[in-house]
Protein backbone atom coordinates (compact mmCIF):
# COMPACT_ATOMS: atom_id res chain seq x y z
CA MET A 1 -141.72 137.07 -78.71
CA ARG A 2 -140.65 134.18 -80.95
CA ILE A 3 -144.15 133.56 -82.27
CA TYR A 4 -144.38 137.22 -83.38
CA LYS A 5 -141.04 136.83 -85.13
CA HIS A 6 -142.37 133.75 -86.94
CA CYS A 7 -145.49 135.64 -88.03
CA LEU A 8 -143.38 138.54 -89.32
CA ILE A 9 -141.24 136.15 -91.38
CA VAL A 10 -144.34 134.51 -92.87
CA PHE A 11 -145.92 137.88 -93.71
CA LEU A 12 -142.80 139.26 -95.42
CA ILE A 13 -142.24 136.12 -97.49
CA LEU A 14 -145.89 135.92 -98.54
CA MET A 15 -146.02 139.57 -99.55
CA ALA A 16 -142.80 139.31 -101.55
CA SER A 17 -144.02 136.13 -103.23
CA LEU A 18 -147.48 137.41 -104.09
CA ALA A 19 -146.11 140.71 -105.36
CA SER A 20 -143.76 139.08 -107.82
CA ALA A 21 -145.26 135.64 -108.38
CA GLN A 22 -148.69 136.28 -109.90
CA GLU A 23 -149.51 132.72 -111.02
CA LYS A 24 -146.14 131.18 -110.24
CA PRO A 25 -146.05 128.17 -107.89
CA LEU A 26 -146.33 128.90 -104.19
CA ILE A 27 -146.55 125.98 -101.73
CA ILE A 28 -147.48 126.34 -98.06
CA SER A 29 -147.47 123.46 -95.56
CA PHE A 30 -148.28 123.49 -91.87
CA GLY A 31 -148.97 120.91 -89.22
CA SER A 32 -147.91 119.17 -86.04
CA ILE A 33 -144.53 117.49 -85.56
CA LYS A 34 -142.45 115.70 -82.93
CA THR A 35 -139.05 117.35 -82.56
CA GLU A 36 -135.57 116.02 -81.76
CA LEU A 37 -136.22 116.68 -78.04
CA LYS A 38 -139.49 114.70 -78.31
CA LYS A 39 -141.56 117.85 -77.96
CA SER A 40 -144.76 118.50 -79.85
CA ALA A 41 -144.39 121.54 -82.08
CA PHE A 42 -146.10 123.53 -84.82
CA ASN A 43 -144.30 123.37 -88.17
CA LEU A 44 -144.57 125.81 -91.08
CA GLY A 45 -143.02 125.57 -94.53
CA ILE A 46 -143.19 128.00 -97.46
CA GLN A 47 -141.70 127.42 -100.90
CA TYR A 48 -141.80 129.64 -103.96
CA LEU A 49 -140.01 128.28 -107.00
CA VAL A 50 -140.37 128.75 -110.75
CA SER A 51 -140.19 125.31 -112.36
CA LEU A 52 -138.04 124.78 -115.43
CA ASP A 53 -140.94 123.61 -117.57
CA SER A 54 -142.65 126.99 -117.14
CA SER A 55 -139.60 128.94 -118.32
CA PHE A 56 -140.76 129.02 -121.93
CA ARG A 57 -144.07 130.64 -120.96
CA GLU A 58 -142.84 133.33 -118.56
CA GLN A 59 -142.57 137.02 -119.41
CA ASP A 60 -139.41 137.73 -117.35
CA ILE A 61 -136.95 136.24 -119.87
CA LEU A 62 -133.86 138.45 -120.09
CA TYR A 63 -132.38 136.96 -123.25
CA TRP A 64 -133.63 134.56 -125.91
CA GLY A 65 -131.03 133.18 -128.29
CA ARG A 66 -131.38 130.72 -131.15
CA LYS A 67 -130.74 127.72 -128.91
CA SER A 68 -130.71 129.22 -125.43
CA LEU A 69 -132.50 131.57 -123.07
CA ILE A 70 -131.72 133.28 -119.77
CA GLN A 71 -134.43 133.84 -117.19
CA LEU A 72 -134.35 135.69 -113.86
CA SER A 73 -136.66 134.85 -110.96
CA PRO A 74 -136.83 135.00 -107.14
CA GLU A 75 -136.83 131.87 -104.97
CA PHE A 76 -137.84 131.44 -101.34
CA ASN A 77 -137.61 128.45 -99.00
CA VAL A 78 -138.71 128.76 -95.38
CA GLN A 79 -138.91 126.13 -92.64
CA THR A 80 -139.73 127.21 -89.13
CA GLY A 81 -141.73 126.19 -86.07
CA THR A 82 -142.11 126.30 -82.32
CA ASN A 83 -139.95 124.68 -79.62
CA ASP A 84 -136.82 123.12 -81.15
CA ALA A 85 -138.24 122.55 -84.67
CA PHE A 86 -135.80 122.71 -87.58
CA SER A 87 -135.38 126.21 -88.95
CA ALA A 88 -133.99 127.44 -92.25
CA ILE A 89 -134.69 130.54 -94.33
CA GLU A 90 -133.35 130.92 -97.85
CA ALA A 91 -134.02 133.87 -100.15
CA LYS A 92 -132.24 134.35 -103.46
CA ILE A 93 -132.42 135.65 -106.99
CA THR A 94 -131.69 132.98 -109.59
CA GLY A 95 -130.73 133.41 -113.20
CA VAL A 96 -131.11 130.24 -115.28
CA ALA A 97 -129.44 129.69 -118.63
CA LEU A 98 -131.17 126.97 -120.67
CA LEU A 99 -129.44 125.28 -123.59
CA PHE A 100 -131.61 123.22 -125.93
CA LYS A 101 -132.02 121.77 -129.41
CA THR A 102 -134.52 123.31 -131.80
CA ILE A 103 -136.93 121.86 -134.34
CA LYS A 104 -139.15 123.33 -137.07
CA ILE A 105 -142.89 122.72 -136.79
CA ASP A 106 -144.93 124.08 -139.73
CA GLY A 107 -141.94 126.19 -140.68
CA VAL A 108 -141.62 127.74 -137.21
CA LYS A 109 -138.45 127.06 -135.19
CA THR A 110 -139.22 126.04 -131.62
CA VAL A 111 -137.70 124.14 -128.69
CA ASP A 112 -137.30 120.41 -129.33
CA THR A 113 -138.86 118.97 -126.16
CA LYS A 114 -137.93 115.45 -127.24
CA LYS A 115 -134.28 116.23 -126.46
CA LEU A 116 -132.48 116.78 -123.16
CA ILE A 117 -132.44 120.40 -121.97
CA HIS A 118 -129.46 121.63 -119.94
CA ALA A 119 -130.10 124.18 -117.17
CA PHE A 120 -127.29 126.20 -115.55
CA PRO A 121 -128.62 128.16 -112.55
CA LEU A 122 -126.60 130.98 -111.01
CA SER A 123 -127.95 132.39 -107.74
CA ALA A 124 -127.14 135.04 -105.16
CA GLY A 125 -128.88 135.32 -101.82
CA ILE A 126 -128.88 134.67 -98.10
CA GLU A 127 -129.33 131.79 -95.66
CA THR A 128 -130.24 132.19 -91.97
CA ASN A 129 -132.25 130.57 -89.18
CA ASN A 130 -135.55 131.80 -87.80
CA ASN A 131 -133.88 134.00 -85.15
CA PHE A 132 -131.44 135.70 -87.56
CA GLU A 133 -128.47 134.96 -85.29
CA TYR A 134 -126.23 134.97 -88.36
CA VAL A 135 -126.60 135.43 -92.10
CA ASN A 136 -124.80 133.47 -94.79
CA GLY A 137 -124.27 135.44 -97.98
CA ILE A 138 -124.17 132.77 -100.71
CA ILE A 139 -123.39 132.66 -104.42
CA GLU A 140 -124.29 129.36 -106.08
CA ALA A 141 -123.66 127.89 -109.53
CA GLY A 142 -125.01 124.54 -110.67
CA TYR A 143 -126.19 122.19 -113.37
CA VAL A 144 -129.66 120.63 -113.61
CA PRO A 145 -130.66 118.36 -116.52
CA TRP A 146 -134.32 118.63 -117.55
CA TYR A 147 -135.70 115.36 -118.87
CA GLN A 148 -139.32 115.49 -117.63
CA ALA A 149 -141.01 116.58 -120.88
CA VAL A 150 -143.97 114.48 -121.99
CA PHE A 151 -142.52 114.05 -125.50
CA MET A 152 -139.20 112.53 -124.32
CA ASN A 153 -140.24 109.01 -125.27
CA LYS A 154 -136.80 107.50 -124.68
CA ILE A 155 -136.88 108.45 -120.99
CA PRO A 156 -138.70 105.87 -118.78
CA GLY A 157 -141.81 107.17 -117.07
CA TRP A 158 -140.50 106.41 -113.58
CA LEU A 159 -137.32 108.43 -114.27
CA LYS A 160 -139.37 111.49 -115.25
CA LYS A 161 -140.70 111.54 -111.68
CA THR A 162 -137.20 112.34 -110.41
CA LYS A 163 -134.96 115.42 -110.50
CA ILE A 164 -131.25 115.87 -109.86
CA GLY A 165 -128.76 118.70 -109.60
CA ILE A 166 -125.16 119.49 -108.63
CA PHE A 167 -123.94 122.84 -107.29
CA LEU A 168 -120.98 124.82 -105.96
CA GLN A 169 -121.65 127.30 -103.15
CA GLY A 170 -119.38 130.03 -101.83
CA GLY A 171 -119.85 133.01 -99.56
CA TYR A 172 -119.38 134.45 -96.09
CA LYS A 173 -120.99 133.83 -92.67
CA PHE A 174 -121.82 137.16 -90.98
CA ASN A 175 -122.17 137.18 -87.19
CA LEU A 176 -125.32 138.89 -85.90
CA ASP A 177 -125.97 137.39 -82.43
CA THR A 178 -123.98 134.49 -80.93
CA ALA A 179 -125.16 134.87 -77.32
CA ASP A 180 -128.57 133.30 -77.89
CA SER A 181 -127.35 130.62 -80.33
CA LEU A 182 -125.01 129.09 -77.72
CA ASN A 183 -128.01 128.11 -75.59
CA LYS A 184 -129.85 126.21 -78.33
CA SER A 185 -130.45 122.45 -78.15
CA GLY A 186 -132.26 119.74 -80.07
CA GLY A 187 -133.31 120.49 -83.62
CA ASP A 188 -132.87 124.24 -83.10
CA ALA A 189 -129.11 124.03 -82.48
CA ASP A 190 -126.57 125.16 -85.06
CA GLN A 191 -124.41 122.08 -85.68
CA SER A 192 -122.56 123.50 -88.67
CA LYS A 193 -118.77 123.66 -88.44
CA GLU A 194 -118.82 126.85 -90.49
CA GLN A 195 -117.59 129.68 -88.28
CA THR A 196 -118.98 133.20 -88.17
CA ASP A 197 -116.95 135.95 -89.82
CA LYS A 198 -115.35 133.30 -92.02
CA ALA A 199 -115.64 132.24 -95.66
CA ILE A 200 -117.96 129.44 -96.89
CA PHE A 201 -117.14 127.00 -99.67
CA ARG A 202 -119.22 123.86 -100.32
CA SER A 203 -120.40 121.48 -102.99
CA LYS A 204 -123.99 120.22 -103.03
CA GLY A 205 -125.78 117.33 -104.67
CA SER A 206 -129.58 116.94 -104.75
CA ILE A 207 -132.02 114.27 -105.86
CA GLY A 208 -135.79 114.29 -105.52
CA VAL A 209 -138.74 112.10 -106.43
CA ASN A 210 -142.49 112.69 -106.63
CA THR A 211 -144.56 109.71 -107.75
CA GLY A 212 -147.84 111.59 -108.06
CA GLU A 213 -150.87 109.38 -107.50
CA LEU A 214 -149.54 105.82 -107.17
CA ILE A 215 -152.95 104.59 -106.00
CA ASN A 216 -155.80 106.41 -107.72
CA LEU A 217 -159.26 105.27 -106.67
CA SER A 218 -162.42 107.34 -106.49
CA PHE A 219 -162.21 107.45 -102.69
CA LEU A 220 -158.44 107.08 -102.13
CA LYS A 221 -155.42 108.67 -103.79
CA ILE A 222 -151.96 107.97 -102.36
CA GLY A 223 -148.44 108.90 -103.46
CA LEU A 224 -144.87 109.21 -102.27
CA ALA A 225 -142.48 112.17 -102.37
CA GLY A 226 -139.03 112.80 -101.01
CA ASP A 227 -135.65 114.35 -101.55
CA ALA A 228 -132.04 113.97 -100.45
CA HIS A 229 -129.37 116.66 -100.27
CA GLY A 230 -125.71 116.27 -99.45
CA TRP A 231 -123.02 118.92 -98.89
CA TYR A 232 -119.26 118.75 -98.67
CA ASP A 233 -117.62 121.57 -96.71
CA PHE A 234 -114.22 122.08 -98.37
CA ILE A 235 -112.91 124.44 -95.69
CA ASN A 236 -113.78 122.26 -92.68
CA LYS A 237 -113.47 118.96 -94.57
CA THR A 238 -116.80 117.60 -93.39
CA THR A 239 -120.12 116.46 -94.88
CA TYR A 240 -123.75 117.29 -94.10
CA PHE A 241 -127.01 115.79 -95.33
CA ARG A 242 -130.77 116.27 -95.32
CA LEU A 243 -133.28 113.50 -96.03
CA GLU A 244 -137.05 113.90 -96.23
CA GLY A 245 -139.79 111.41 -97.07
CA LYS A 246 -143.54 112.00 -97.44
CA PHE A 247 -146.42 109.52 -97.49
CA ARG A 248 -149.06 111.57 -99.26
CA PHE A 249 -152.87 111.46 -99.25
CA PHE A 250 -154.42 113.62 -101.99
CA ILE A 251 -157.60 115.37 -100.86
CA ALA A 252 -158.09 117.78 -103.80
CA LYS A 253 -156.11 119.37 -106.62
CA ASP A 254 -152.86 120.74 -105.15
CA ARG A 255 -154.04 119.88 -101.63
CA TYR A 256 -152.91 116.90 -99.61
CA PHE A 257 -152.02 115.50 -96.20
CA ASP A 258 -148.40 114.45 -95.78
CA PHE A 259 -147.00 112.07 -93.17
CA VAL A 260 -143.45 113.44 -93.03
CA TYR A 261 -140.12 112.14 -91.72
CA GLN A 262 -137.06 114.40 -91.91
CA LYS A 263 -133.46 113.58 -90.98
CA GLY A 264 -131.22 116.65 -90.84
CA SER A 265 -132.23 120.28 -91.24
CA GLY A 266 -129.90 121.14 -94.10
CA ALA A 267 -128.38 124.61 -94.55
CA PRO A 268 -127.61 126.74 -92.67
CA ASN A 269 -127.83 124.99 -89.25
CA PHE A 270 -126.93 121.53 -90.64
CA ASN A 271 -128.58 120.00 -87.57
CA GLN A 272 -128.51 116.19 -87.78
CA GLY A 273 -131.60 115.51 -85.65
CA ASP A 274 -134.93 113.91 -86.58
CA GLN A 275 -138.46 115.20 -86.72
CA TYR A 276 -141.70 113.69 -87.95
CA GLY A 277 -145.39 114.49 -88.05
CA ILE A 278 -148.31 115.33 -90.32
CA ASN A 279 -148.73 118.39 -92.54
CA LEU A 280 -151.49 119.88 -94.63
CA THR A 281 -149.95 121.15 -97.88
CA VAL A 282 -151.62 123.61 -100.23
CA GLY A 283 -150.30 124.69 -103.63
CA PHE A 284 -151.19 128.01 -105.32
């Protein structure tokens, strides 16, 4: 029964993404992992996210001011698998306000991509696990500086391979099915201190890095990628974290094998276990 539920989740997310994404980035990864209970499992990840550097080329801009714009887009993040693999499903609508400097080029005013751009995302959506035992309704506000533009000559090249963000999250944890969740163990267990039918209030900090092709030979291309997320639960006065590192072999454009290590599942289970394995990742 669980494998059919996984397939249904994948189908719904893919259809929603393809219907609204067109040429927007969609990343799918799948492979074999070793779980917290030392079981071999199948792992599946889906991510759909509109990057900040594409915001100036998209057609779904709600407002364009003299030195700002507001864009609205969907975002999906799914992690699921068999046995006691980490599980997390996030679906939200995000509005991003971008503040920037302008410059005139041949008499035409345009965005000055040599200067820092300030992004203020505001999102509303849900978080749950792969069995939908509960649903977190979440509203999130944050700040993300964008300094990755090619023309930002004062920013070191290594720093442009990173990204950071800070956020505030608030909402409510709705109880759907607690009977099954009490029997979970390993990486599938809900280790959050957030209680069902109670309010949620957290802060979140994120940092990520993607080196691209560190070693670039005709027969071998290798890189590193990873991210770290930390949360502070104001209501329960506790912290959670999620760390992920990838040793990446590029096999074609937007296709690569990743040796992955992950510590902590992140929201909403906040499981603090470990899992590792190898994934094939494909970008569309």
